[in-house]
């Protein structure tokens, strides 16, 4: 299979505390679970050498924000194809943003609310810093996309936000629902400040043991669903001819298999065939079944 697309983890650092992100326990940063580091230019070059016919590279973190990497502009440049950077948008120097605007690519800003609501999910993201960086990028000629995750607390603002996106010069306004839409939000003291709820009103806040959650998160952070019987797999990365590059520059079949957790090893790209061999059996790889199973 000729690889045409790379999904790249540029950094495991992040300035935000999104309550349903796997890098924290509902917004509370548990120390020692993940190593924080940046993808080096040298390691990325080594990965790129393996794929001479790339068409598209997107920098989208499992654990961090790509703009945290001080070399993100150079990483995008040496990709030598169309790039997309996914970010909360509140970090990065002016010269970096203006440099990115000159490249062949775009930036997807993850903004899930307006000034009075964005911080409810994108905790610690400063609205004024976000707006400043949007202006640096768009006014320098950059192609920007506004990605909005729909929640109960922001769904009434979608029309207004789309209007604002057009005024600011965004190319597109995308409303998505990625399934992370329910749970408490914790502050830096591990106290519940509010709840993140689905837009359809199907769930309400419930009793939640904060300390138990933090303990389980640190010891056994693995929430993939169990399954029974045979699973029909539609592997997104095989269909789209793409692989995942982690923050060390190592290759995995996809971001799910490359997402190393305390009780789960990272799967190397060379092991992809062994994963495929499990798909038609009753012992289908658990991660494949949970993420790409069709039945």
C-alpha atoms as a PDB file:
ATOM      1  CA  UNK A   1       0.000   0.000   0.000  1.00  0.00           C
ATOM      2  CA  UNK A   2       1.444   3.359  -1.038  1.00  0.00           C
ATOM      3  CA  UNK A   3       1.001   5.924   1.730  1.00  0.00           C
ATOM      4  CA  UNK A   4      -0.456   9.264   0.610  1.00  0.00           C
ATOM      5  CA  UNK A   5      -1.425  10.829   3.964  1.00  0.00           C
ATOM      6  CA  UNK A   6       0.355  11.302   7.288  1.00  0.00           C
ATOM      7  CA  UNK A   7      -1.312  12.034  10.623  1.00  0.00           C
ATOM      8  CA  UNK A   8       1.392  13.666  12.741  1.00  0.00           C
ATOM      9  CA  UNK A   9       1.627  14.285  16.498  1.00  0.00           C
ATOM     10  CA  UNK A  10       3.843  17.383  16.660  1.00  0.00           C
ATOM     11  CA  UNK A  11       3.742  17.806  20.428  1.00  0.00           C
ATOM     12  CA  UNK A  12       2.324  16.273  23.595  1.00  0.00           C
ATOM     13  CA  UNK A  13       2.330  19.658  25.338  1.00  0.00           C
ATOM     14  CA  UNK A  14      -0.922  21.594  25.564  1.00  0.00           C
ATOM     15  CA  UNK A  15      -1.941  24.882  27.142  1.00  0.00           C
ATOM     16  CA  UNK A  16      -5.584  23.823  27.480  1.00  0.00           C
ATOM     17  CA  UNK A  17      -7.451  21.463  29.814  1.00  0.00           C
ATOM     18  CA  UNK A  18     -10.360  20.179  27.748  1.00  0.00           C
ATOM     19  CA  UNK A  19     -12.504  18.065  30.128  1.00  0.00           C
ATOM     20  CA  UNK A  20     -12.939  15.099  27.781  1.00  0.00           C
ATOM     21  CA  UNK A  21      -9.425  14.968  26.341  1.00  0.00           C
ATOM     22  CA  UNK A  22      -7.469  11.774  27.122  1.00  0.00           C
ATOM     23  CA  UNK A  23      -4.434  13.752  28.298  1.00  0.00           C
ATOM     24  CA  UNK A  24      -6.157  14.636  31.585  1.00  0.00           C
ATOM     25  CA  UNK A  25      -8.841  13.444  33.991  1.00  0.00           C
ATOM     26  CA  UNK A  26     -11.814  15.641  33.074  1.00  0.00           C
ATOM     27  CA  UNK A  27      -9.605  18.725  32.996  1.00  0.00           C
ATOM     28  CA  UNK A  28      -7.407  17.818  35.961  1.00  0.00           C
ATOM     29  CA  UNK A  29      -3.817  17.137  34.927  1.00  0.00           C
ATOM     30  CA  UNK A  30      -2.585  13.951  36.577  1.00  0.00           C
ATOM     31  CA  UNK A  31       1.230  14.105  36.748  1.00  0.00           C
ATOM     32  CA  UNK A  32       3.372  11.271  35.463  1.00  0.00           C
ATOM     33  CA  UNK A  33       0.897   9.635  33.074  1.00  0.00           C
ATOM     34  CA  UNK A  34       2.271  11.024  29.819  1.00  0.00           C
ATOM     35  CA  UNK A  35       5.702  12.316  28.868  1.00  0.00           C
ATOM     36  CA  UNK A  36       5.627  15.828  27.442  1.00  0.00           C
ATOM     37  CA  UNK A  37       7.850  16.365  24.408  1.00  0.00           C
ATOM     38  CA  UNK A  38       7.993  17.843  20.921  1.00  0.00           C
ATOM     39  CA  UNK A  39       8.526  16.055  17.613  1.00  0.00           C
ATOM     40  CA  UNK A  40      12.015  16.998  16.425  1.00  0.00           C
ATOM     41  CA  UNK A  41      12.768  18.128  12.901  1.00  0.00           C
ATOM     42  CA  UNK A  42      15.366  15.371  12.581  1.00  0.00           C
ATOM     43  CA  UNK A  43      12.962  12.587  13.550  1.00  0.00           C
ATOM     44  CA  UNK A  44      10.240  13.960  11.313  1.00  0.00           C
ATOM     45  CA  UNK A  45      12.626  14.072   8.348  1.00  0.00           C
ATOM     46  CA  UNK A  46      13.450  10.396   8.934  1.00  0.00           C
ATOM     47  CA  UNK A  47       9.742   9.549   8.845  1.00  0.00           C
ATOM     48  CA  UNK A  48       9.176  11.612   5.705  1.00  0.00           C
ATOM     49  CA  UNK A  49      11.961   9.785   3.865  1.00  0.00           C
ATOM     50  CA  UNK A  50       9.842   6.632   3.906  1.00  0.00           C
ATOM     51  CA  UNK A  51       6.965   8.262   2.003  1.00  0.00           C
ATOM     52  CA  UNK A  52       8.127  10.079  -1.164  1.00  0.00           C
ATOM     53  CA  UNK A  53       4.666  10.505  -2.704  1.00  0.00           C
ATOM     54  CA  UNK A  54       2.710  12.236   0.043  1.00  0.00           C
ATOM     55  CA  UNK A  55      -0.337  14.287  -0.900  1.00  0.00           C
ATOM     56  CA  UNK A  56      -1.456  15.536   2.504  1.00  0.00           C
ATOM     57  CA  UNK A  57      -0.135  15.897   6.065  1.00  0.00           C
ATOM     58  CA  UNK A  58      -2.260  16.892   9.024  1.00  0.00           C
ATOM     59  CA  UNK A  59      -0.889  17.833  12.421  1.00  0.00           C
ATOM     60  CA  UNK A  60      -3.539  16.837  14.929  1.00  0.00           C
ATOM     61  CA  UNK A  61      -2.602  15.810  18.451  1.00  0.00           C
ATOM     62  CA  UNK A  62      -3.745  12.793  20.399  1.00  0.00           C
ATOM     63  CA  UNK A  63      -2.425  14.496  23.516  1.00  0.00           C
ATOM     64  CA  UNK A  64      -1.131  17.938  22.624  1.00  0.00           C
ATOM     65  CA  UNK A  65      -1.572  21.000  20.472  1.00  0.00           C
ATOM     66  CA  UNK A  66       0.737  21.182  17.412  1.00  0.00           C
ATOM     67  CA  UNK A  67       1.242  24.915  17.904  1.00  0.00           C
ATOM     68  CA  UNK A  68       3.039  24.180  21.182  1.00  0.00           C
ATOM     69  CA  UNK A  69       5.976  22.894  19.133  1.00  0.00           C
ATOM     70  CA  UNK A  70       8.347  25.847  18.533  1.00  0.00           C
ATOM     71  CA  UNK A  71       9.368  24.232  15.218  1.00  0.00           C
ATOM     72  CA  UNK A  72       5.844  23.776  13.848  1.00  0.00           C
ATOM     73  CA  UNK A  73       6.458  26.174  10.951  1.00  0.00           C
ATOM     74  CA  UNK A  74       9.555  24.240   9.852  1.00  0.00           C
ATOM     75  CA  UNK A  75       7.730  20.900  10.265  1.00  0.00           C
ATOM     76  CA  UNK A  76       4.967  22.138   7.982  1.00  0.00           C
ATOM     77  CA  UNK A  77       7.489  23.484   5.451  1.00  0.00           C
ATOM     78  CA  UNK A  78       9.480  20.281   5.104  1.00  0.00           C
ATOM     79  CA  UNK A  79       6.279  18.259   4.599  1.00  0.00           C
ATOM     80  CA  UNK A  80       6.348  19.633   1.034  1.00  0.00           C
ATOM     81  CA  UNK A  81       2.660  19.003   0.436  1.00  0.00           C
ATOM     82  CA  UNK A  82      -0.694  20.382   1.545  1.00  0.00           C
ATOM     83  CA  UNK A  83      -0.865  20.589   5.346  1.00  0.00           C
ATOM     84  CA  UNK A  84      -3.567  21.142   7.934  1.00  0.00           C
ATOM     85  CA  UNK A  85      -2.854  22.109  11.542  1.00  0.00           C
ATOM     86  CA  UNK A  86      -5.538  21.529  14.187  1.00  0.00           C
ATOM     87  CA  UNK A  87      -5.222  23.860  17.174  1.00  0.00           C
ATOM     88  CA  UNK A  88      -7.143  25.641  19.920  1.00  0.00           C
ATOM     89  CA  UNK A  89      -5.614  28.761  18.363  1.00  0.00           C
ATOM     90  CA  UNK A  90      -4.481  30.640  21.458  1.00  0.00           C
ATOM     91  CA  UNK A  91      -0.748  29.970  21.217  1.00  0.00           C
ATOM     92  CA  UNK A  92       2.090  30.690  18.817  1.00  0.00           C
ATOM     93  CA  UNK A  93       4.192  33.700  17.885  1.00  0.00           C
ATOM     94  CA  UNK A  94       3.109  36.275  15.319  1.00  0.00           C
ATOM     95  CA  UNK A  95       5.940  35.392  12.919  1.00  0.00           C
ATOM     96  CA  UNK A  96       4.942  31.712  13.116  1.00  0.00           C
ATOM     97  CA  UNK A  97       1.335  32.434  12.233  1.00  0.00           C
ATOM     98  CA  UNK A  98       2.279  34.724   9.372  1.00  0.00           C
ATOM     99  CA  UNK A  99       4.747  32.132   8.101  1.00  0.00           C
ATOM    100  CA  UNK A 100       2.096  29.410   8.160  1.00  0.00           C
ATOM    101  CA  UNK A 101      -0.209  31.679   6.172  1.00  0.00           C
ATOM    102  CA  UNK A 102       2.266  31.607   3.276  1.00  0.00           C
ATOM    103  CA  UNK A 103       2.390  27.823   3.014  1.00  0.00           C
ATOM    104  CA  UNK A 104       0.250  25.505   0.920  1.00  0.00           C
ATOM    105  CA  UNK A 105      -2.258  24.463   3.543  1.00  0.00           C
ATOM    106  CA  UNK A 106      -4.770  25.541   6.136  1.00  0.00           C
ATOM    107  CA  UNK A 107      -5.340  25.755   9.880  1.00  0.00           C
ATOM    108  CA  UNK A 108      -8.377  24.329  11.622  1.00  0.00           C
ATOM    109  CA  UNK A 109      -9.225  26.330  14.735  1.00  0.00           C
ATOM    110  CA  UNK A 110     -11.110  24.275  17.341  1.00  0.00           C
ATOM    111  CA  UNK A 111     -13.431  26.878  18.835  1.00  0.00           C
ATOM    112  CA  UNK A 112     -16.450  25.509  20.686  1.00  0.00           C
ATOM    113  CA  UNK A 113     -18.256  28.644  21.735  1.00  0.00           C
ATOM    114  CA  UNK A 114     -18.104  32.405  21.803  1.00  0.00           C
ATOM    115  CA  UNK A 115     -16.307  34.569  24.345  1.00  0.00           C
ATOM    116  CA  UNK A 116     -18.700  33.580  27.148  1.00  0.00           C
ATOM    117  CA  UNK A 117     -18.760  29.825  26.416  1.00  0.00           C
ATOM    118  CA  UNK A 118     -15.614  28.653  24.575  1.00  0.00           C
ATOM    119  CA  UNK A 119     -13.704  28.310  27.861  1.00  0.00           C
ATOM    120  CA  UNK A 120     -16.271  25.856  29.259  1.00  0.00           C
ATOM    121  CA  UNK A 121     -14.756  23.123  27.109  1.00  0.00           C
ATOM    122  CA  UNK A 122     -11.485  24.730  25.980  1.00  0.00           C
ATOM    123  CA  UNK A 123     -10.452  25.414  29.563  1.00  0.00           C
ATOM    124  CA  UNK A 124      -7.551  27.889  29.956  1.00  0.00           C
ATOM    125  CA  UNK A 125      -7.866  29.138  26.373  1.00  0.00           C
ATOM    126  CA  UNK A 126      -7.819  32.940  26.421  1.00  0.00           C
ATOM    127  CA  UNK A 127     -10.358  34.424  24.003  1.00  0.00           C
ATOM    128  CA  UNK A 128      -8.417  37.604  23.235  1.00  0.00           C
ATOM    129  CA  UNK A 129      -5.225  35.661  22.469  1.00  0.00           C
ATOM    130  CA  UNK A 130      -7.257  33.356  20.220  1.00  0.00           C
ATOM    131  CA  UNK A 131      -8.789  36.236  18.271  1.00  0.00           C
ATOM    132  CA  UNK A 132      -5.404  37.902  17.854  1.00  0.00           C
ATOM    133  CA  UNK A 133      -3.855  34.791  16.310  1.00  0.00           C
ATOM    134  CA  UNK A 134      -6.811  34.273  14.004  1.00  0.00           C
ATOM    135  CA  UNK A 135      -6.305  37.809  12.701  1.00  0.00           C
ATOM    136  CA  UNK A 136      -2.543  37.352  12.277  1.00  0.00           C
ATOM    137  CA  UNK A 137      -3.139  34.233  10.230  1.00  0.00           C
ATOM    138  CA  UNK A 138      -6.085  35.284   8.078  1.00  0.00           C
ATOM    139  CA  UNK A 139      -4.845  38.819   7.419  1.00  0.00           C
ATOM    140  CA  UNK A 140      -1.529  37.342   6.223  1.00  0.00           C
ATOM    141  CA  UNK A 141      -3.443  35.307   3.642  1.00  0.00           C
ATOM    142  CA  UNK A 142      -3.966  32.060   5.555  1.00  0.00           C
ATOM    143  CA  UNK A 143      -6.837  29.651   4.878  1.00  0.00           C
ATOM    144  CA  UNK A 144      -8.753  29.087   8.124  1.00  0.00           C
ATOM    145  CA  UNK A 145     -11.473  26.629   9.117  1.00  0.00           C
ATOM    146  CA  UNK A 146     -13.592  27.020  12.268  1.00  0.00           C
ATOM    147  CA  UNK A 147     -14.408  23.622  13.832  1.00  0.00           C
ATOM    148  CA  UNK A 148     -17.244  23.746  16.358  1.00  0.00           C
ATOM    149  CA  UNK A 149     -18.135  20.817  18.626  1.00  0.00           C
ATOM    150  CA  UNK A 150     -21.814  21.002  19.481  1.00  0.00           C
ATOM    151  CA  UNK A 151     -22.725  20.849  23.198  1.00  0.00           C
ATOM    152  CA  UNK A 152     -25.800  21.790  25.206  1.00  0.00           C
ATOM    153  CA  UNK A 153     -24.081  24.936  26.464  1.00  0.00           C
ATOM    154  CA  UNK A 154     -23.173  26.282  23.015  1.00  0.00           C
ATOM    155  CA  UNK A 155     -25.776  25.035  20.522  1.00  0.00           C
ATOM    156  CA  UNK A 156     -27.780  28.273  20.795  1.00  0.00           C
ATOM    157  CA  UNK A 157     -24.747  30.204  19.485  1.00  0.00           C
ATOM    158  CA  UNK A 158     -24.056  28.248  16.304  1.00  0.00           C
ATOM    159  CA  UNK A 159     -25.763  30.681  13.917  1.00  0.00           C
ATOM    160  CA  UNK A 160     -24.090  33.704  15.511  1.00  0.00           C
ATOM    161  CA  UNK A 161     -20.694  31.995  15.468  1.00  0.00           C
ATOM    162  CA  UNK A 162     -21.016  31.116  11.791  1.00  0.00           C
ATOM    163  CA  UNK A 163     -21.812  34.753  11.019  1.00  0.00           C
ATOM    164  CA  UNK A 164     -18.755  35.878  12.966  1.00  0.00           C
ATOM    165  CA  UNK A 165     -16.601  33.319  11.142  1.00  0.00           C
ATOM    166  CA  UNK A 166     -17.564  34.868   7.816  1.00  0.00           C
ATOM    167  CA  UNK A 167     -16.817  38.351   9.117  1.00  0.00           C
ATOM    168  CA  UNK A 168     -13.363  37.234  10.241  1.00  0.00           C
ATOM    169  CA  UNK A 169     -12.610  35.627   6.892  1.00  0.00           C
ATOM    170  CA  UNK A 170     -12.841  31.912   7.668  1.00  0.00           C
ATOM    171  CA  UNK A 171     -13.098  29.657   4.636  1.00  0.00           C
ATOM    172  CA  UNK A 172     -15.516  27.256   6.305  1.00  0.00           C
ATOM    173  CA  UNK A 173     -17.530  26.707   9.500  1.00  0.00           C
ATOM    174  CA  UNK A 174     -17.844  23.020  10.431  1.00  0.00           C
ATOM    175  CA  UNK A 175     -20.156  21.725  13.163  1.00  0.00           C
ATOM    176  CA  UNK A 176     -19.086  18.280  14.417  1.00  0.00           C
ATOM    177  CA  UNK A 177     -20.024  15.751  17.063  1.00  0.00           C
ATOM    178  CA  UNK A 178     -17.077  13.513  17.916  1.00  0.00           C
ATOM    179  CA  UNK A 179     -18.762  11.657  20.785  1.00  0.00           C
ATOM    180  CA  UNK A 180     -16.920  13.425  23.614  1.00  0.00           C
ATOM    181  CA  UNK A 181     -19.921  15.281  24.915  1.00  0.00           C
ATOM    182  CA  UNK A 182     -20.638  14.109  28.451  1.00  0.00           C
ATOM    183  CA  UNK A 183     -18.844  14.439  31.753  1.00  0.00           C
ATOM    184  CA  UNK A 184     -17.840  16.823  34.525  1.00  0.00           C
ATOM    185  CA  UNK A 185     -15.244  19.558  34.118  1.00  0.00           C
ATOM    186  CA  UNK A 186     -12.627  19.750  36.863  1.00  0.00           C
ATOM    187  CA  UNK A 187     -10.504  22.734  37.806  1.00  0.00           C
ATOM    188  CA  UNK A 188      -6.835  22.630  38.810  1.00  0.00           C
ATOM    189  CA  UNK A 189      -7.835  21.665  42.345  1.00  0.00           C
ATOM    190  CA  UNK A 190      -9.758  18.610  41.076  1.00  0.00           C
ATOM    191  CA  UNK A 191     -13.114  20.218  41.900  1.00  0.00           C
ATOM    192  CA  UNK A 192     -16.158  19.916  39.647  1.00  0.00           C
ATOM    193  CA  UNK A 193     -17.011  23.363  38.286  1.00  0.00           C
ATOM    194  CA  UNK A 194     -19.614  22.419  35.653  1.00  0.00           C
ATOM    195  CA  UNK A 195     -20.777  19.582  33.401  1.00  0.00           C
ATOM    196  CA  UNK A 196     -20.325  19.057  29.672  1.00  0.00           C
ATOM    197  CA  UNK A 197     -23.617  17.756  28.298  1.00  0.00           C
ATOM    198  CA  UNK A 198     -24.774  16.563  24.849  1.00  0.00           C
ATOM    199  CA  UNK A 199     -26.688  19.036  22.717  1.00  0.00           C
ATOM    200  CA  UNK A 200     -29.736  16.790  22.434  1.00  0.00           C
ATOM    201  CA  UNK A 201     -30.400  16.923  26.182  1.00  0.00           C
ATOM    202  CA  UNK A 202     -30.204  13.137  26.482  1.00  0.00           C
ATOM    203  CA  UNK A 203     -28.061  13.195  29.642  1.00  0.00           C
ATOM    204  CA  UNK A 204     -27.889  15.083  32.916  1.00  0.00           C
ATOM    205  CA  UNK A 205     -25.226  15.491  35.637  1.00  0.00           C
ATOM    206  CA  UNK A 206     -24.950  12.473  37.899  1.00  0.00           C
ATOM    207  CA  UNK A 207     -23.091  11.392  41.010  1.00  0.00           C
ATOM    208  CA  UNK A 208     -19.368  11.374  40.253  1.00  0.00           C
ATOM    209  CA  UNK A 209     -16.491  10.249  42.467  1.00  0.00           C
ATOM    210  CA  UNK A 210     -13.625  12.545  41.511  1.00  0.00           C
ATOM    211  CA  UNK A 211     -10.852  10.848  43.461  1.00  0.00           C
ATOM    212  CA  UNK A 212     -11.861   7.402  42.233  1.00  0.00           C
ATOM    213  CA  UNK A 213     -11.771   8.657  38.658  1.00  0.00           C
ATOM    214  CA  UNK A 214      -8.300  10.169  39.115  1.00  0.00           C
ATOM    215  CA  UNK A 215      -6.990   6.966  40.680  1.00  0.00           C
ATOM    216  CA  UNK A 216      -8.367   4.789  37.896  1.00  0.00           C
ATOM    217  CA  UNK A 217      -7.092   7.227  35.270  1.00  0.00           C
ATOM    218  CA  UNK A 218      -3.553   7.029  36.595  1.00  0.00           C
ATOM    219  CA  UNK A 219      -3.469   3.276  37.113  1.00  0.00           C
ATOM    220  CA  UNK A 220      -5.543   1.947  34.249  1.00  0.00           C
ATOM    221  CA  UNK A 221      -6.381   4.540  31.618  1.00  0.00           C
ATOM    222  CA  UNK A 222      -8.071   2.294  29.070  1.00  0.00           C
ATOM    223  CA  UNK A 223     -11.744   2.725  28.221  1.00  0.00           C
ATOM    224  CA  UNK A 224     -12.123   0.794  24.961  1.00  0.00           C
ATOM    225  CA  UNK A 225     -15.351  -1.157  24.732  1.00  0.00           C
ATOM    226  CA  UNK A 226     -15.418  -4.934  24.898  1.00  0.00           C
ATOM    227  CA  UNK A 227     -16.944  -6.888  22.026  1.00  0.00           C
ATOM    228  CA  UNK A 228     -18.184 -10.360  21.169  1.00  0.00           C
ATOM    229  CA  UNK A 229     -18.252 -12.378  17.986  1.00  0.00           C
ATOM    230  CA  UNK A 230     -16.842 -11.439  14.599  1.00  0.00           C
ATOM    231  CA  UNK A 231     -16.360  -7.788  13.691  1.00  0.00           C
ATOM    232  CA  UNK A 232     -16.547  -6.309  10.216  1.00  0.00           C
ATOM    233  CA  UNK A 233     -13.673  -3.822  10.064  1.00  0.00           C
ATOM    234  CA  UNK A 234     -13.569  -0.761   7.824  1.00  0.00           C
ATOM    235  CA  UNK A 235     -10.049   0.495   8.499  1.00  0.00           C
ATOM    236  CA  UNK A 236     -10.008   4.231   7.804  1.00  0.00           C
ATOM    237  CA  UNK A 237      -6.230   4.383   7.505  1.00  0.00           C
ATOM    238  CA  UNK A 238      -6.084   1.480   5.038  1.00  0.00           C
ATOM    239  CA  UNK A 239      -8.868   2.967   2.912  1.00  0.00           C
ATOM    240  CA  UNK A 240      -7.348   6.464   2.890  1.00  0.00           C
ATOM    241  CA  UNK A 241      -3.739   5.224   2.587  1.00  0.00           C
ATOM    242  CA  UNK A 242      -2.436   6.999   5.661  1.00  0.00           C
ATOM    243  CA  UNK A 243      -0.320   6.251   8.724  1.00  0.00           C
ATOM    244  CA  UNK A 244       0.374   7.889  12.070  1.00  0.00           C
ATOM    245  CA  UNK A 245       3.653   9.521  13.126  1.00  0.00           C
ATOM    246  CA  UNK A 246       3.999   9.894  16.893  1.00  0.00           C
ATOM    247  CA  UNK A 247       5.971  12.533  18.772  1.00  0.00           C
ATOM    248  CA  UNK A 248       9.114  10.385  18.588  1.00  0.00           C
ATOM    249  CA  UNK A 249       8.851  10.084  14.817  1.00  0.00           C
ATOM    250  CA  UNK A 250       7.845   6.420  15.121  1.00  0.00           C
ATOM    251  CA  UNK A 251       5.235   4.968  12.778  1.00  0.00           C
ATOM    252  CA  UNK A 252       1.994   3.207  13.676  1.00  0.00           C
ATOM    253  CA  UNK A 253      -0.946   2.024  11.552  1.00  0.00           C
ATOM    254  CA  UNK A 254      -3.171   4.715  13.054  1.00  0.00           C
ATOM    255  CA  UNK A 255      -3.438   7.133  15.955  1.00  0.00           C
ATOM    256  CA  UNK A 256      -5.445   4.621  18.008  1.00  0.00           C
ATOM    257  CA  UNK A 257      -2.728   1.981  17.746  1.00  0.00           C
ATOM    258  CA  UNK A 258       0.002   4.585  18.218  1.00  0.00           C
ATOM    259  CA  UNK A 259      -1.593   5.980  21.358  1.00  0.00           C
ATOM    260  CA  UNK A 260       0.523   4.439  24.103  1.00  0.00           C
ATOM    261  CA  UNK A 261      -1.197   4.134  27.481  1.00  0.00           C
ATOM    262  CA  UNK A 262       0.110   2.828  30.815  1.00  0.00           C
ATOM    263  CA  UNK A 263      -1.454  -0.582  30.204  1.00  0.00           C
ATOM    264  CA  UNK A 264      -1.247  -0.748  26.413  1.00  0.00           C
ATOM    265  CA  UNK A 265       1.783  -0.786  24.147  1.00  0.00           C
ATOM    266  CA  UNK A 266       2.125   1.182  20.952  1.00  0.00           C
ATOM    267  CA  UNK A 267       1.727  -0.942  17.816  1.00  0.00           C
ATOM    268  CA  UNK A 268       4.426  -0.433  15.187  1.00  0.00           C
ATOM    269  CA  UNK A 269       3.561  -0.028  11.516  1.00  0.00           C
ATOM    270  CA  UNK A 270       5.371  -3.285  10.753  1.00  0.00           C
ATOM    271  CA  UNK A 271       2.747  -5.119  12.837  1.00  0.00           C
ATOM    272  CA  UNK A 272      -0.147  -3.940  10.680  1.00  0.00           C
ATOM    273  CA  UNK A 273      -0.526  -7.249   8.836  1.00  0.00           C
ATOM    274  CA  UNK A 274      -0.799  -9.085  12.158  1.00  0.00           C
ATOM    275  CA  UNK A 275      -3.650  -6.729  13.096  1.00  0.00           C
ATOM    276  CA  UNK A 276      -5.386  -7.368   9.766  1.00  0.00           C
ATOM    277  CA  UNK A 277      -5.157 -11.112  10.357  1.00  0.00           C
ATOM    278  CA  UNK A 278      -7.350 -10.734  13.462  1.00  0.00           C
ATOM    279  CA  UNK A 279     -10.164  -8.868  11.720  1.00  0.00           C
ATOM    280  CA  UNK A 280     -12.004 -11.903  10.374  1.00  0.00           C
ATOM    281  CA  UNK A 281     -11.725 -13.870  13.621  1.00  0.00           C
ATOM    282  CA  UNK A 282     -13.609 -13.862  16.913  1.00  0.00           C
ATOM    283  CA  UNK A 283     -10.442 -12.458  18.513  1.00  0.00           C
ATOM    284  CA  UNK A 284     -10.340  -9.243  16.548  1.00  0.00           C
ATOM    285  CA  UNK A 285      -7.859  -6.732  17.933  1.00  0.00           C
ATOM    286  CA  UNK A 286      -9.731  -4.861  20.657  1.00  0.00           C
ATOM    287  CA  UNK A 287      -8.764  -1.390  19.488  1.00  0.00           C
ATOM    288  CA  UNK A 288      -9.622  -2.134  15.856  1.00  0.00           C
ATOM    289  CA  UNK A 289     -13.000  -3.506  16.927  1.00  0.00           C
ATOM    290  CA  UNK A 290     -13.769  -0.551  19.169  1.00  0.00           C
ATOM    291  CA  UNK A 291     -12.788   2.173  16.734  1.00  0.00           C
ATOM    292  CA  UNK A 292     -13.492   0.814  13.245  1.00  0.00           C
ATOM    293  CA  UNK A 293     -15.910  -2.076  13.798  1.00  0.00           C
ATOM    294  CA  UNK A 294     -19.018  -1.921  11.633  1.00  0.00           C
ATOM    295  CA  UNK A 295     -21.071  -4.570  13.407  1.00  0.00           C
END
